[in-house]
Protein backbone atom coordinates (compact mmCIF):
# COMPACT_ATOMS: atom_id res chain seq x y z
CA MET A 1 -1.27 -9.27 47.69
CA ALA A 2 1.89 -8.12 45.65
CA ARG A 3 3.26 -11.11 43.58
CA LYS A 4 6.57 -12.60 44.65
CA VAL A 5 9.46 -12.34 41.97
CA HIS A 6 12.18 -14.30 41.95
CA SER A 7 14.22 -12.13 39.35
CA ARG A 8 13.83 -9.61 36.67
CA TYR A 9 15.24 -9.62 33.66
CA VAL A 10 15.20 -5.84 31.63
CA ILE A 11 15.98 -6.04 27.90
CA THR A 12 16.93 -2.61 26.37
CA GLY A 13 17.72 -1.15 22.84
CA THR A 14 17.11 0.72 20.10
CA LEU A 15 14.64 -0.57 17.32
CA VAL A 16 15.71 1.01 13.64
CA ALA A 17 12.65 1.46 10.92
CA LYS A 18 14.30 -0.37 8.04
CA SER A 19 11.16 0.70 6.42
CA PRO A 20 8.66 3.22 6.95
CA LEU A 21 6.58 2.70 10.25
CA HIS A 22 2.68 3.70 10.86
CA ILE A 23 1.49 3.14 14.69
CA GLY A 24 -1.88 4.60 14.13
CA GLY A 25 -3.53 7.68 16.80
CA VAL A 26 -5.54 10.25 17.45
CA HIS A 27 -4.48 13.25 16.28
CA ASN A 28 -5.47 16.84 15.38
CA ASP A 29 -4.37 16.87 11.49
CA PRO A 30 -7.09 17.93 9.45
CA ILE A 31 -5.28 17.07 6.49
CA VAL A 32 -4.37 13.76 7.18
CA ASP A 33 -6.99 10.48 7.38
CA LEU A 34 -4.63 8.11 9.31
CA THR A 35 -2.47 9.93 11.67
CA LEU A 36 0.34 9.17 13.95
CA ALA A 37 0.48 8.00 17.46
CA VAL A 38 1.67 10.94 19.49
CA ASN A 39 2.01 11.01 23.20
CA GLY A 40 1.60 13.40 25.84
CA ALA A 41 5.16 15.32 25.55
CA GLY A 42 3.85 15.74 21.69
CA ASP A 43 6.60 12.77 20.82
CA TYR A 44 5.49 10.48 18.21
CA TYR A 45 5.95 6.30 19.49
CA ILE A 46 5.09 3.09 19.85
CA PRO A 47 2.47 2.10 22.77
CA GLY A 48 3.59 -0.22 24.93
CA THR A 49 0.29 -1.77 24.00
CA SER A 50 1.04 -2.49 20.07
CA LEU A 51 4.77 -3.80 20.75
CA ALA A 52 3.60 -6.72 23.60
CA GLY A 53 0.54 -7.44 21.02
CA SER A 54 3.58 -8.14 18.11
CA LEU A 55 5.82 -9.73 20.71
CA ARG A 56 3.53 -12.22 22.01
CA SER A 57 1.92 -13.10 18.48
CA TRP A 58 5.81 -14.43 17.20
CA MET A 59 6.27 -16.22 20.08
CA GLU A 60 2.79 -18.04 19.77
CA GLU A 61 4.29 -18.97 15.95
CA LEU A 62 7.08 -20.30 17.65
CA GLU A 63 6.35 -21.79 20.92
CA GLU A 64 4.18 -25.19 20.23
CA ASP A 65 3.26 -25.35 24.06
CA GLN A 66 0.74 -22.19 23.82
CA ASP A 67 -0.40 -23.11 27.80
CA ILE A 68 3.43 -21.71 28.48
CA THR A 69 2.88 -18.53 26.44
CA GLY A 70 -0.17 -18.03 28.48
CA LYS A 71 0.96 -18.13 31.21
CA LEU A 72 3.76 -15.86 30.67
CA TRP A 73 1.56 -13.33 29.04
CA GLY A 74 -1.21 -14.19 30.72
CA PRO A 75 -4.00 -16.14 29.39
CA ARG A 76 -6.29 -14.83 26.18
CA LEU A 77 -10.11 -14.58 26.64
CA GLY A 78 -11.48 -17.50 26.25
CA GLN A 79 -8.10 -19.68 26.89
CA THR A 80 -7.90 -22.94 28.91
CA GLY A 81 -5.13 -25.23 30.24
CA ARG A 82 -3.77 -26.83 33.35
CA ASN A 83 -2.02 -23.19 34.73
CA ARG A 84 -5.30 -21.36 33.88
CA SER A 85 -7.32 -19.87 36.95
CA ASP A 86 -10.80 -18.47 36.31
CA GLU A 87 -9.48 -15.14 37.19
CA GLY A 88 -5.92 -15.18 35.23
CA HIS A 89 -3.44 -13.01 35.94
CA ALA A 90 -1.09 -10.20 34.81
CA SER A 91 1.42 -10.71 32.34
CA TRP A 92 4.54 -11.32 33.42
CA VAL A 93 6.12 -9.47 30.58
CA ILE A 94 6.25 -5.48 30.98
CA VAL A 95 6.59 -3.75 27.88
CA ASP A 96 7.46 0.10 28.10
CA ASP A 97 5.81 2.46 25.23
CA ALA A 98 8.97 3.25 22.54
CA VAL A 99 9.68 6.59 22.46
CA ILE A 100 11.47 8.19 19.48
CA GLN A 101 14.64 9.51 19.16
CA GLY A 102 14.80 13.14 18.51
CA LYS A 103 12.83 14.82 15.75
CA VAL A 104 11.65 13.68 12.75
CA GLN A 105 9.46 14.78 10.03
CA ALA A 106 6.43 12.49 9.32
CA GLU A 107 5.95 11.26 5.03
CA LEU A 108 2.77 11.28 3.73
CA ARG A 109 1.47 7.79 1.58
CA ASP A 110 -1.54 8.23 -0.80
CA GLY A 111 -4.03 5.16 -0.59
CA VAL A 112 -6.57 4.17 -2.76
CA GLY A 113 -8.72 1.56 -4.44
CA ILE A 114 -9.11 0.07 -7.36
CA ASP A 115 -12.68 -0.56 -9.06
CA ARG A 116 -12.24 -4.29 -10.09
CA LEU A 117 -14.66 -3.44 -13.00
CA TYR A 118 -13.24 -0.40 -14.26
CA GLY A 119 -9.54 0.01 -13.42
CA SER A 120 -10.13 3.46 -12.28
CA ALA A 121 -10.20 4.81 -8.59
CA ALA A 122 -13.55 3.31 -6.47
CA GLU A 123 -15.05 6.61 -4.88
CA HIS A 124 -14.40 7.03 -1.25
CA ILE A 125 -11.63 4.91 -1.40
CA LYS A 126 -8.92 7.89 -0.64
CA PHE A 127 -7.11 8.19 2.21
CA ASP A 128 -3.92 9.48 3.43
CA ARG A 129 -1.10 7.94 5.87
CA ALA A 130 1.70 9.53 8.12
CA ILE A 131 4.45 7.70 8.32
CA LEU A 132 7.89 7.82 9.96
CA PRO A 133 10.12 7.76 7.59
CA LYS A 134 13.29 4.58 7.06
CA GLY A 135 15.93 5.03 9.80
CA SER A 136 13.87 6.46 12.19
CA LYS A 137 14.73 5.10 16.06
CA LEU A 138 13.05 4.37 18.89
CA ASN A 139 14.13 3.07 22.74
CA LEU A 140 13.15 -0.32 23.39
CA ARG A 141 12.78 -1.59 26.83
CA VAL A 142 11.22 -4.64 28.05
CA THR A 143 11.30 -6.46 31.46
CA LEU A 144 10.88 -9.81 32.34
CA GLU A 145 9.81 -11.27 35.22
CA ARG A 146 10.11 -14.82 37.09
CA VAL A 147 7.19 -14.98 39.98
CA MET A 148 8.10 -17.60 42.87
CA GLU A 149 4.11 -18.56 43.36
CA HIS A 150 3.66 -22.47 43.26
CA CYS A 151 0.72 -21.61 40.76
CA LEU A 152 2.19 -19.64 38.69
CA SER A 153 5.97 -20.48 38.49
CA LEU A 154 7.42 -22.47 35.66
CA THR A 155 9.33 -25.13 36.22
CA ASP A 156 12.75 -25.86 34.59
CA ALA A 157 11.81 -27.19 31.62
CA GLU A 158 8.89 -24.53 30.76
CA TRP A 159 11.60 -21.72 31.86
CA GLN A 160 14.20 -23.36 29.67
CA ALA A 161 11.45 -22.93 27.03
CA ILE A 162 10.37 -19.20 27.87
CA CYS A 163 14.45 -18.29 27.15
CA GLU A 164 14.73 -20.40 23.95
CA SER A 165 11.95 -18.42 22.61
CA TRP A 166 13.25 -15.22 24.09
CA ALA A 167 16.37 -15.65 21.97
CA GLU A 168 15.32 -16.70 18.99
CA LEU A 169 12.67 -13.48 19.22
CA LEU A 170 15.69 -11.04 20.12
CA GLN A 171 17.61 -12.79 17.40
CA ALA A 172 14.82 -12.02 14.85
CA LEU A 173 14.83 -8.54 15.99
CA GLN A 174 18.45 -8.05 15.77
CA ASN A 175 18.04 -9.46 12.10
CA GLY A 176 15.30 -7.17 10.80
CA GLU A 177 12.57 -10.14 10.35
CA PHE A 178 10.11 -8.42 12.48
CA SER A 179 7.46 -5.99 11.64
CA LEU A 180 5.43 -3.66 13.69
CA GLY A 181 2.15 -1.30 13.36
CA ALA A 182 -0.46 -1.26 10.61
CA ALA A 183 0.13 -2.32 6.72
CA LYS A 184 2.99 -4.69 7.75
CA THR A 185 2.07 -6.95 4.79
CA ARG A 186 2.13 -3.59 2.62
CA GLY A 187 6.05 -2.55 2.76
CA LEU A 188 5.56 -0.93 6.27
CA GLY A 189 7.00 -1.73 10.02
CA THR A 190 9.74 -3.59 9.23
CA VAL A 191 11.98 -2.58 12.07
CA ILE A 192 15.96 -4.21 13.23
CA LEU A 193 17.35 -4.01 16.76
CA GLU A 194 20.80 -2.44 17.95
CA ASP A 195 22.78 -2.56 20.89
CA LEU A 196 21.32 -4.76 22.61
CA LYS A 197 21.33 -5.25 26.31
CA VAL A 198 19.80 -7.53 29.02
CA ILE A 199 20.13 -6.68 32.85
CA GLU A 200 19.70 -9.09 35.24
CA GLN A 201 18.44 -8.17 38.52
CA GLN A 202 18.08 -11.12 41.54
CA LEU A 203 14.93 -10.35 43.93
CA ASN A 204 15.64 -13.36 45.59
CA SER A 205 18.23 -12.32 48.46
CA PRO A 206 19.06 -9.26 50.30
CA ALA A 207 22.40 -9.19 48.24
CA GLY A 208 20.35 -8.50 44.72
CA ILE A 209 18.28 -6.12 46.14
CA LEU A 210 20.72 -3.79 47.86
CA ALA A 211 22.79 -4.39 44.15
CA LEU A 212 19.46 -3.30 42.45
CA LEU A 213 19.62 -0.13 45.05
CA ARG A 214 22.87 0.64 44.65
CA LYS A 215 22.20 0.54 40.80
CA GLU A 216 24.31 -1.67 40.17
CA GLU A 217 23.85 -3.28 36.72
CA SER A 218 24.84 -7.40 36.03
CA GLN A 219 25.10 -8.15 31.93
CA SER A 220 22.91 -11.29 31.76
CA SER A 221 23.52 -13.95 30.20
CA ILE A 222 20.20 -15.93 30.12
CA PHE A 223 19.25 -15.98 26.45
CA ASP A 224 22.96 -16.57 25.08
CA SER A 225 23.29 -20.04 25.54
CA ALA A 226 19.56 -20.86 23.98
CA ASN A 227 20.57 -18.89 21.09
CA ASN A 228 23.38 -21.51 20.72
CA ARG A 229 21.26 -24.04 19.79
CA THR A 230 19.10 -24.64 15.88
CA PRO A 231 16.56 -21.72 15.80
CA LYS A 232 12.96 -23.85 15.16
CA PRO A 233 12.24 -23.43 11.58
CA ARG A 234 9.49 -20.64 10.16
CA SER A 235 6.58 -21.83 8.20
CA ARG A 236 7.54 -19.18 5.39
CA LEU A 237 8.27 -18.70 1.80
CA LEU A 238 11.00 -16.09 0.89
CA ILE A 239 10.91 -14.79 -2.98
CA THR A 240 13.62 -12.64 -3.93
CA ILE A 241 12.69 -10.86 -7.55
CA ASP A 242 16.13 -9.13 -9.18
CA TRP A 243 14.61 -6.84 -12.25
CA GLU A 244 14.24 -3.73 -13.92
CA PRO A 245 12.24 -1.03 -15.51
CA LEU A 246 11.93 -1.68 -19.44
CA SER A 247 10.12 1.66 -19.74
CA PRO A 248 9.83 4.61 -17.21
CA LEU A 249 8.65 3.91 -13.49
CA MET A 250 7.19 5.93 -10.75
CA VAL A 251 4.15 6.14 -7.89
CA LYS A 252 3.21 9.45 -8.31
CA ALA A 253 3.66 11.85 -5.27
CA GLU A 254 1.17 13.85 -3.48
CA ARG A 255 2.71 17.05 -3.82
CA GLU A 256 3.03 18.80 -7.09
CA GLY A 257 5.88 20.46 -8.79
CA ILE A 258 5.99 24.61 -9.87
CA ALA A 259 7.59 23.20 -13.60
CA VAL A 260 6.34 19.73 -13.55
CA ASP A 261 2.81 18.53 -12.35
CA MET A 262 3.52 15.11 -11.63
CA LEU A 263 6.47 13.61 -9.61
CA PRO A 264 7.72 10.43 -8.74
CA LEU A 265 7.02 9.86 -4.77
CA VAL A 266 10.55 9.40 -2.99
CA SER A 267 10.71 8.39 0.89
CA SER A 268 14.06 8.85 3.37
CA ILE A 269 16.45 6.61 3.65
CA ASP A 270 19.05 6.65 6.65
CA GLY A 271 17.76 9.99 7.26
CA ASP A 272 20.26 12.19 5.10
CA ARG A 273 18.76 10.69 1.84
CA VAL A 274 15.85 10.37 -0.49
CA ALA A 275 15.19 7.81 -3.07
CA PHE A 276 12.57 6.80 -6.10
CA VAL A 277 10.23 4.45 -3.65
CA LEU A 278 7.89 1.92 -5.13
CA PRO A 279 5.82 1.32 -2.05
CA GLY A 280 4.59 -1.88 -1.07
CA SER A 281 0.90 -1.44 -0.93
CA SER A 282 1.56 -0.57 -5.32
CA ILE A 283 3.22 -3.97 -5.68
CA LYS A 284 0.92 -5.90 -3.68
CA GLY A 285 -1.95 -4.26 -4.87
CA ALA A 286 -0.88 -5.18 -8.65
CA LEU A 287 -0.12 -8.75 -7.90
CA ARG A 288 -3.79 -9.05 -5.83
CA THR A 289 -5.54 -7.43 -8.86
CA GLN A 290 -4.34 -10.08 -11.40
CA ALA A 291 -4.96 -12.67 -8.74
CA GLU A 292 -8.50 -11.92 -8.39
CA ARG A 293 -8.56 -12.46 -12.49
CA ILE A 294 -7.20 -15.77 -12.40
CA VAL A 295 -9.27 -17.00 -9.36
CA ARG A 296 -12.55 -15.23 -10.86
CA THR A 297 -11.64 -16.78 -14.55
CA VAL A 298 -11.21 -20.09 -13.20
CA LEU A 299 -14.55 -19.98 -11.24
CA ASN A 300 -16.32 -18.03 -13.84
CA ARG A 301 -17.32 -15.83 -11.68
CA GLU A 302 -18.17 -11.73 -12.87
CA VAL A 303 -16.95 -9.08 -10.75
CA PRO A 304 -19.90 -7.09 -8.90
CA LYS A 305 -20.88 -3.26 -10.56
CA LEU A 306 -19.83 -1.00 -8.60
CA VAL A 307 -22.61 1.68 -6.77
CA ASP A 308 -21.53 4.53 -4.50
CA SER A 309 -20.74 2.54 -1.44
CA LYS A 310 -18.02 1.82 0.45
CA GLN A 311 -19.27 -1.72 1.51
CA ALA A 312 -20.15 -2.58 -2.69
CA PHE A 313 -16.61 -2.17 -2.74
CA LEU A 314 -15.68 -4.22 -0.18
CA GLN A 315 -18.11 -6.85 -1.70
CA GLN A 316 -15.97 -6.40 -4.83
CA LEU A 317 -12.87 -8.07 -3.15
CA GLU A 318 -14.66 -10.91 -1.54
CA VAL A 319 -12.97 -13.19 -3.72
CA PRO A 320 -12.60 -17.44 -2.40
CA LEU A 321 -8.50 -17.93 -1.72
CA ILE A 322 -7.60 -14.02 -2.05
CA ASP A 323 -8.81 -13.17 1.70
CA GLU A 324 -6.57 -15.72 2.83
CA LEU A 325 -3.57 -14.96 0.52
CA PHE A 326 -3.30 -11.06 0.53
CA GLY A 327 -5.92 -10.31 3.55
CA LYS A 328 -9.50 -8.60 3.95
CA ALA A 329 -10.71 -4.92 5.24
CA ALA A 330 -12.07 -5.12 8.35
CA LYS A 331 -15.42 -3.92 8.02
CA THR A 332 -19.01 -4.09 10.56
CA GLU A 333 -21.82 -6.51 10.19
CA GLN A 334 -23.93 -7.05 12.61
CA GLY A 335 -21.35 -5.55 15.28
CA GLN A 336 -18.90 -8.17 14.36
CA GLN A 337 -15.39 -7.33 13.03
CA LYS A 338 -14.72 -9.43 9.80
CA GLY A 339 -11.26 -8.11 8.62
CA CYS A 340 -7.91 -10.69 8.47
CA ILE A 341 -4.14 -9.98 7.58
CA GLY A 342 -3.02 -11.54 4.54
CA ALA A 343 -0.66 -14.39 4.78
CA LEU A 344 1.75 -12.45 1.96
CA ALA A 345 3.35 -9.64 2.85
CA VAL A 346 5.18 -7.35 0.19
CA GLU A 347 8.42 -4.78 1.32
CA ASP A 348 8.91 -1.12 -0.14
CA CYS A 349 11.49 -1.37 -2.93
CA TYR A 350 14.06 1.59 -3.52
CA ALA A 351 15.82 3.07 -6.32
CA ASP A 352 19.77 1.95 -6.12
CA GLN A 353 20.68 5.88 -6.51
CA SER A 354 20.00 7.91 -3.62
CA ILE A 355 19.81 11.91 -3.51
CA SER A 356 20.16 14.80 -0.75
CA PRO A 357 16.61 15.94 0.37
CA GLU A 358 18.59 19.30 -0.87
CA HIS A 359 18.66 18.87 -4.51
CA TRP A 360 15.49 17.28 -4.89
CA GLU A 361 13.74 20.22 -3.00
CA LYS A 362 14.96 22.04 -5.95
CA VAL A 363 14.22 20.08 -8.13
CA GLN A 364 10.21 20.12 -6.71
CA THR A 365 10.48 23.89 -6.68
CA ALA A 366 12.17 24.55 -10.10
CA GLU A 367 10.11 27.32 -11.83
CA GLU A 368 10.68 26.68 -15.56
CA SER A 369 12.24 24.03 -17.55
CA PRO A 370 15.54 25.34 -18.04
CA GLU A 371 16.01 25.47 -14.08
CA LEU A 372 14.50 21.94 -13.78
CA LEU A 373 16.85 20.26 -16.29
CA THR A 374 20.03 21.66 -13.87
CA ALA A 375 18.63 20.70 -10.70
CA LEU A 376 17.80 17.19 -12.29
CA SER A 377 21.73 17.09 -13.02
CA ASN A 378 22.77 18.17 -10.18
CA ALA A 379 21.01 15.12 -8.26
CA GLY A 380 22.44 13.03 -10.60
CA LEU A 381 19.32 12.20 -12.63
CA SER A 382 20.35 13.73 -16.06
CA LYS A 383 18.25 10.85 -17.99
CA THR A 384 15.27 11.63 -16.10
CA GLN A 385 13.16 13.69 -18.65
CA GLN A 386 9.92 15.98 -18.33
CA ALA A 387 7.23 14.70 -20.28
CA PHE A 388 4.27 16.64 -21.69
CA HIS A 389 1.11 15.42 -22.10
CA VAL A 390 -2.22 16.90 -23.74
CA ALA A 391 -5.87 16.25 -24.02
CA ILE A 392 -7.18 16.53 -27.59
CA ASP A 393 -10.78 18.32 -28.38
CA ARG A 394 -12.49 15.58 -30.38
CA TRP A 395 -13.98 18.47 -32.38
CA THR A 396 -11.57 20.32 -33.63
CA GLY A 397 -8.41 17.76 -33.20
CA GLY A 398 -6.44 20.16 -31.63
CA ALA A 399 -5.27 20.74 -27.97
CA ALA A 400 -7.84 21.12 -25.24
CA ASP A 401 -7.97 24.36 -23.30
CA GLY A 402 -6.55 23.74 -19.76
CA PHE A 403 -5.56 19.88 -20.66
CA LEU A 404 -1.83 20.48 -20.54
CA TYR A 405 0.78 18.91 -17.76
CA SER A 406 3.62 17.40 -17.49
CA THR A 407 5.28 14.38 -15.38
CA LEU A 408 8.80 13.77 -14.69
CA GLU A 409 9.73 10.55 -15.62
CA PRO A 410 12.47 8.09 -14.05
CA LEU A 411 14.46 6.28 -16.49
CA GLY A 412 17.97 4.82 -16.68
CA VAL A 413 17.30 4.08 -12.75
CA LYS A 414 18.17 1.06 -11.25
CA TRP A 415 16.27 -0.68 -8.37
CA HIS A 416 16.65 -2.96 -5.72
CA PRO A 417 15.16 -6.92 -6.12
CA MET A 418 11.47 -6.93 -4.69
CA LYS A 419 10.86 -8.97 -1.52
CA LEU A 420 7.83 -11.01 -1.13
CA LYS A 421 7.08 -13.16 2.24
CA LEU A 422 4.81 -15.78 2.44
CA ASN A 423 4.14 -16.48 6.22
CA LEU A 424 2.51 -20.48 6.10
CA TYR A 425 1.60 -20.12 9.51
CA ARG A 426 -1.09 -17.62 8.64
CA LEU A 427 -2.78 -20.24 6.51
CA GLU A 428 -5.07 -23.28 7.26
CA GLY A 429 -3.50 -26.71 6.40
CA GLU A 430 -1.03 -27.99 3.86
CA ASP A 431 -3.93 -28.19 1.53
CA GLN A 432 -4.76 -24.58 1.65
CA GLN A 433 -0.71 -23.61 1.83
CA LYS A 434 -0.36 -25.42 -1.46
CA GLN A 435 -2.88 -23.82 -2.93
CA CYS A 436 -2.01 -20.36 -2.38
CA VAL A 437 1.90 -21.08 -3.13
CA ALA A 438 -0.08 -22.24 -6.71
CA LEU A 439 -1.99 -19.19 -6.99
CA LEU A 440 1.31 -17.13 -5.90
CA LEU A 441 3.55 -18.96 -9.17
CA PHE A 442 0.85 -18.10 -11.50
CA VAL A 443 0.58 -14.64 -10.73
CA LEU A 444 4.63 -14.38 -10.72
CA ARG A 445 3.96 -16.50 -14.37
CA ASP A 446 2.36 -13.47 -15.18
CA LEU A 447 4.48 -10.86 -13.70
CA VAL A 448 7.42 -12.51 -15.66
CA GLN A 449 5.56 -12.49 -19.25
CA GLY A 450 5.30 -8.69 -18.67
CA ARG A 451 1.29 -8.94 -17.95
CA ILE A 452 1.45 -6.92 -14.82
CA PRO A 453 2.87 -3.59 -15.18
CA LEU A 454 4.07 -1.18 -11.86
CA GLY A 455 3.12 2.16 -10.53
CA TYR A 456 1.61 5.17 -11.99
CA GLY A 457 0.08 5.53 -15.88
CA VAL A 458 0.79 1.72 -16.83
CA ASN A 459 -1.79 2.33 -19.99
CA ARG A 460 -0.36 4.68 -21.28
CA GLY A 461 3.31 3.47 -21.71
CA MET A 462 4.91 3.34 -18.60
CA GLY A 463 5.69 0.54 -15.69
CA GLU A 464 7.03 -2.42 -17.96
CA ILE A 465 9.90 -4.32 -16.18
CA ALA A 466 11.51 -7.36 -17.08
CA ILE A 467 12.62 -10.06 -14.50
CA HIS A 468 16.09 -11.40 -14.56
CA SER A 469 15.75 -14.03 -11.54
CA ILE A 470 13.31 -15.38 -9.11
CA LYS A 471 14.61 -16.98 -5.91
CA LEU A 472 12.34 -18.96 -3.58
CA GLU A 473 13.37 -20.05 -0.06
CA GLY A 474 11.49 -22.15 2.56
CA LEU A 475 10.13 -24.50 -0.37
CA SER A 476 11.20 -27.45 2.45
CA SER A 477 8.14 -25.64 4.88
CA LEU A 478 5.28 -27.02 1.95
CA ASN A 479 6.58 -30.92 2.76
CA LEU A 480 7.12 -31.25 -1.41
CA ASN A 481 10.20 -33.03 -0.75
CA THR A 482 12.73 -30.83 -2.47
CA GLU A 483 15.29 -28.42 -2.04
CA ASP A 484 15.07 -25.47 0.36
CA SER A 485 16.24 -22.97 -2.11
CA VAL A 486 16.39 -22.20 -5.67
CA THR A 487 17.10 -19.57 -7.76
CA LEU A 488 15.10 -19.16 -11.16
CA ALA A 489 17.20 -17.63 -14.00
CA ASN A 490 14.60 -15.15 -15.85
CA GLY A 491 11.52 -16.44 -13.50
CA ASP A 492 11.21 -19.36 -15.76
CA LEU A 493 8.99 -21.13 -13.21
CA THR A 494 9.21 -24.25 -15.50
CA ALA A 495 12.85 -24.79 -14.21
CA LEU A 496 10.83 -26.30 -10.47
CA ASN A 497 10.97 -29.82 -9.80
CA GLN A 498 8.38 -31.14 -11.67
CA SER A 499 7.15 -33.58 -8.99
CA VAL A 500 6.56 -29.93 -6.92
CA LEU A 501 4.72 -28.38 -9.55
CA LYS A 502 2.76 -31.48 -9.94
CA LYS A 503 1.32 -31.86 -6.44
CA LEU A 504 0.67 -28.22 -6.45
CA GLU A 505 -1.32 -28.44 -9.85
CA ASN A 506 -3.18 -31.14 -7.87
CA SER A 507 -3.93 -29.32 -5.33
CA TRP A 508 -4.82 -26.35 -7.13
CA CYS A 509 -7.32 -28.34 -9.19
CA ALA A 510 -8.94 -29.94 -6.69
CA TRP A 511 -9.20 -26.42 -4.50
CA ILE A 512 -11.40 -25.56 -7.72
CA GLU A 513 -13.33 -28.63 -8.24
CA SER A 514 -14.98 -28.20 -4.52
CA CYS A 515 -15.84 -24.50 -5.06
CA SER A 516 -17.23 -24.70 -8.74
CA GLY A 517 -17.68 -28.47 -9.51
CA ASP A 518 -15.57 -28.41 -12.56
CA VAL A 519 -12.28 -28.14 -13.27
CA SER A 520 -12.01 -27.54 -16.83
CA HIS A 521 -11.55 -23.74 -16.65
CA ALA A 522 -7.57 -24.14 -14.62
CA TYR A 523 -5.67 -21.87 -15.31
CA SER A 524 -2.57 -23.52 -16.15
C-alpha cells in the first residue's frame, strides 16, 4: 500500500563547482586510474545516492535529535529509536541524479605517495584522477515529502526542526560551505547553489492535486521563516593564510611541453580561463609529512622501512593522532574496511593571474626558446622563465649524455590565500580536539619559519614561501574562553592568548604522556 503524502516540496537549482570535482565511476579509459561517473547518455553526473549521503551527513551534524533525521531519511543500519520499526521505511527525501550542463573537458590530476624514510616517490603509489573543472554546473533536484501515516508522521515541533535544518543546509549550499565527492578534504568538491527555487505541491486536497496536474507551480516560503533565526553554531576552525612565494613555486603538470620539458600545473577557472594552481592535496601532503615528523619525534618512533608493497606504505602512515587529523586510507584486513576521512580539509590555492587557454596552449606547443618567450609575454608571464638543468657525469665532470632538461619556473606570481578548515565534529571529545589543534599550530609554526616548502623541486631551491598573516576563526568552538576570531601578523602564533596556549600545551603534553609515559621530549 502506498504511503499517504500530505504535501511535497520540490527544491531545484544549479550546483556550481567552486573547486574541481571528482565523483568516481566505472569508465573505460585505459590512461586514467580514477575515472568520473558517466550516465547512460554519456554525460558526467553526480549520482543521487552520492548527493543524498552528503546532504544527510550535513544534516546529522546540525540536528541534535538523530531520531528526527532517521525518521526523515530512513533509519541507518542498526539505528534504534522510538520511531524506528523493525522493518524501517524508505526516505522521505528523493534526490535525483545531478547531470552536468553542457559539455566540459575533464582535467587530470596526478597523485603520488611519498616514502617517509627516503622522501622520494613510493613504488606502486602513483595514480591519475580525472576531475570536472572549476565552474562546472550541474542540475539539482530534491523532493521533500511530508507523510500522513500516524506511525511515521512528524509532530509540528519535529517538522519545524526539519525545516530549520533544511534552511541552514540550503544556506550553506548558497554560501559555498558544502563539499561533494571524493578528496573533498584535499581541495576538491566545493560547490555553491545558485538559482534556488522551492515549489510546494499540496496533495491533501482536490484543489492541490488539480493544480499539480495542470502544472500550476506555487513558490513556497516554508524555509524562509526558519532561515531568519540564528544558525546553529558549526564546530569548525577556519584558517586563512596570506602568503607569497620567495622562489619559483609550481606543481609539475602531467603534460610535457616541446621547448620546455616540465610545465607548471594549471586548472580551469570560470570555464574560459586557466590559472596556476597549488592543489589542496599537495599542501595537505606537505603539512601531513611535517605533522608526522613532529609526532614521531616526541614519541621517539622510527619510520618503518618501505618494502615493495602497498600495505607497507600504508603502515608508514600509521602515526598516532595523524589519522584523526589528516585521514586514513581504506584497506582491507580480514574483510574489514578501516579507512576514515580526516578532520582537516585544505582547499586548492590558485594564482591571482589568469591566462586564456589559447595563450597557454601556445606556451605548451612552442618549439623553440624564442617562440616560448613570445608566448609567455603574450600570456602576461614575462617574469616566468625557462630554467635549464643537467646531470653531471661523476667521472668526467662534464654534462651527462641525455640528462639535459628544462623547467618553466613561475616568478613574480601572486597567489590567493591558503584556506584550511578543521571540522571538530569529526574528532572525539574536547581533549582530542585540543590535541589536534595543538599539533596543527606546531605545523603552522614550522610553515611560518620556512621549514615546509611547497610544490615541486623543494630540495633544489624551489617552493620557499613567506607568511604575511594567519587568521583563525571559530576558536570559541574549542571552549577556550577566548575571542572567536584573531589575525596573527606574520603568523606569530605566540600572539595568541597565553591562557589558550597553556591549555593547548597541557592537553598536548597529557596526550604524549598517555602514549609514551614521558613528556621530556615535548615539541614546544
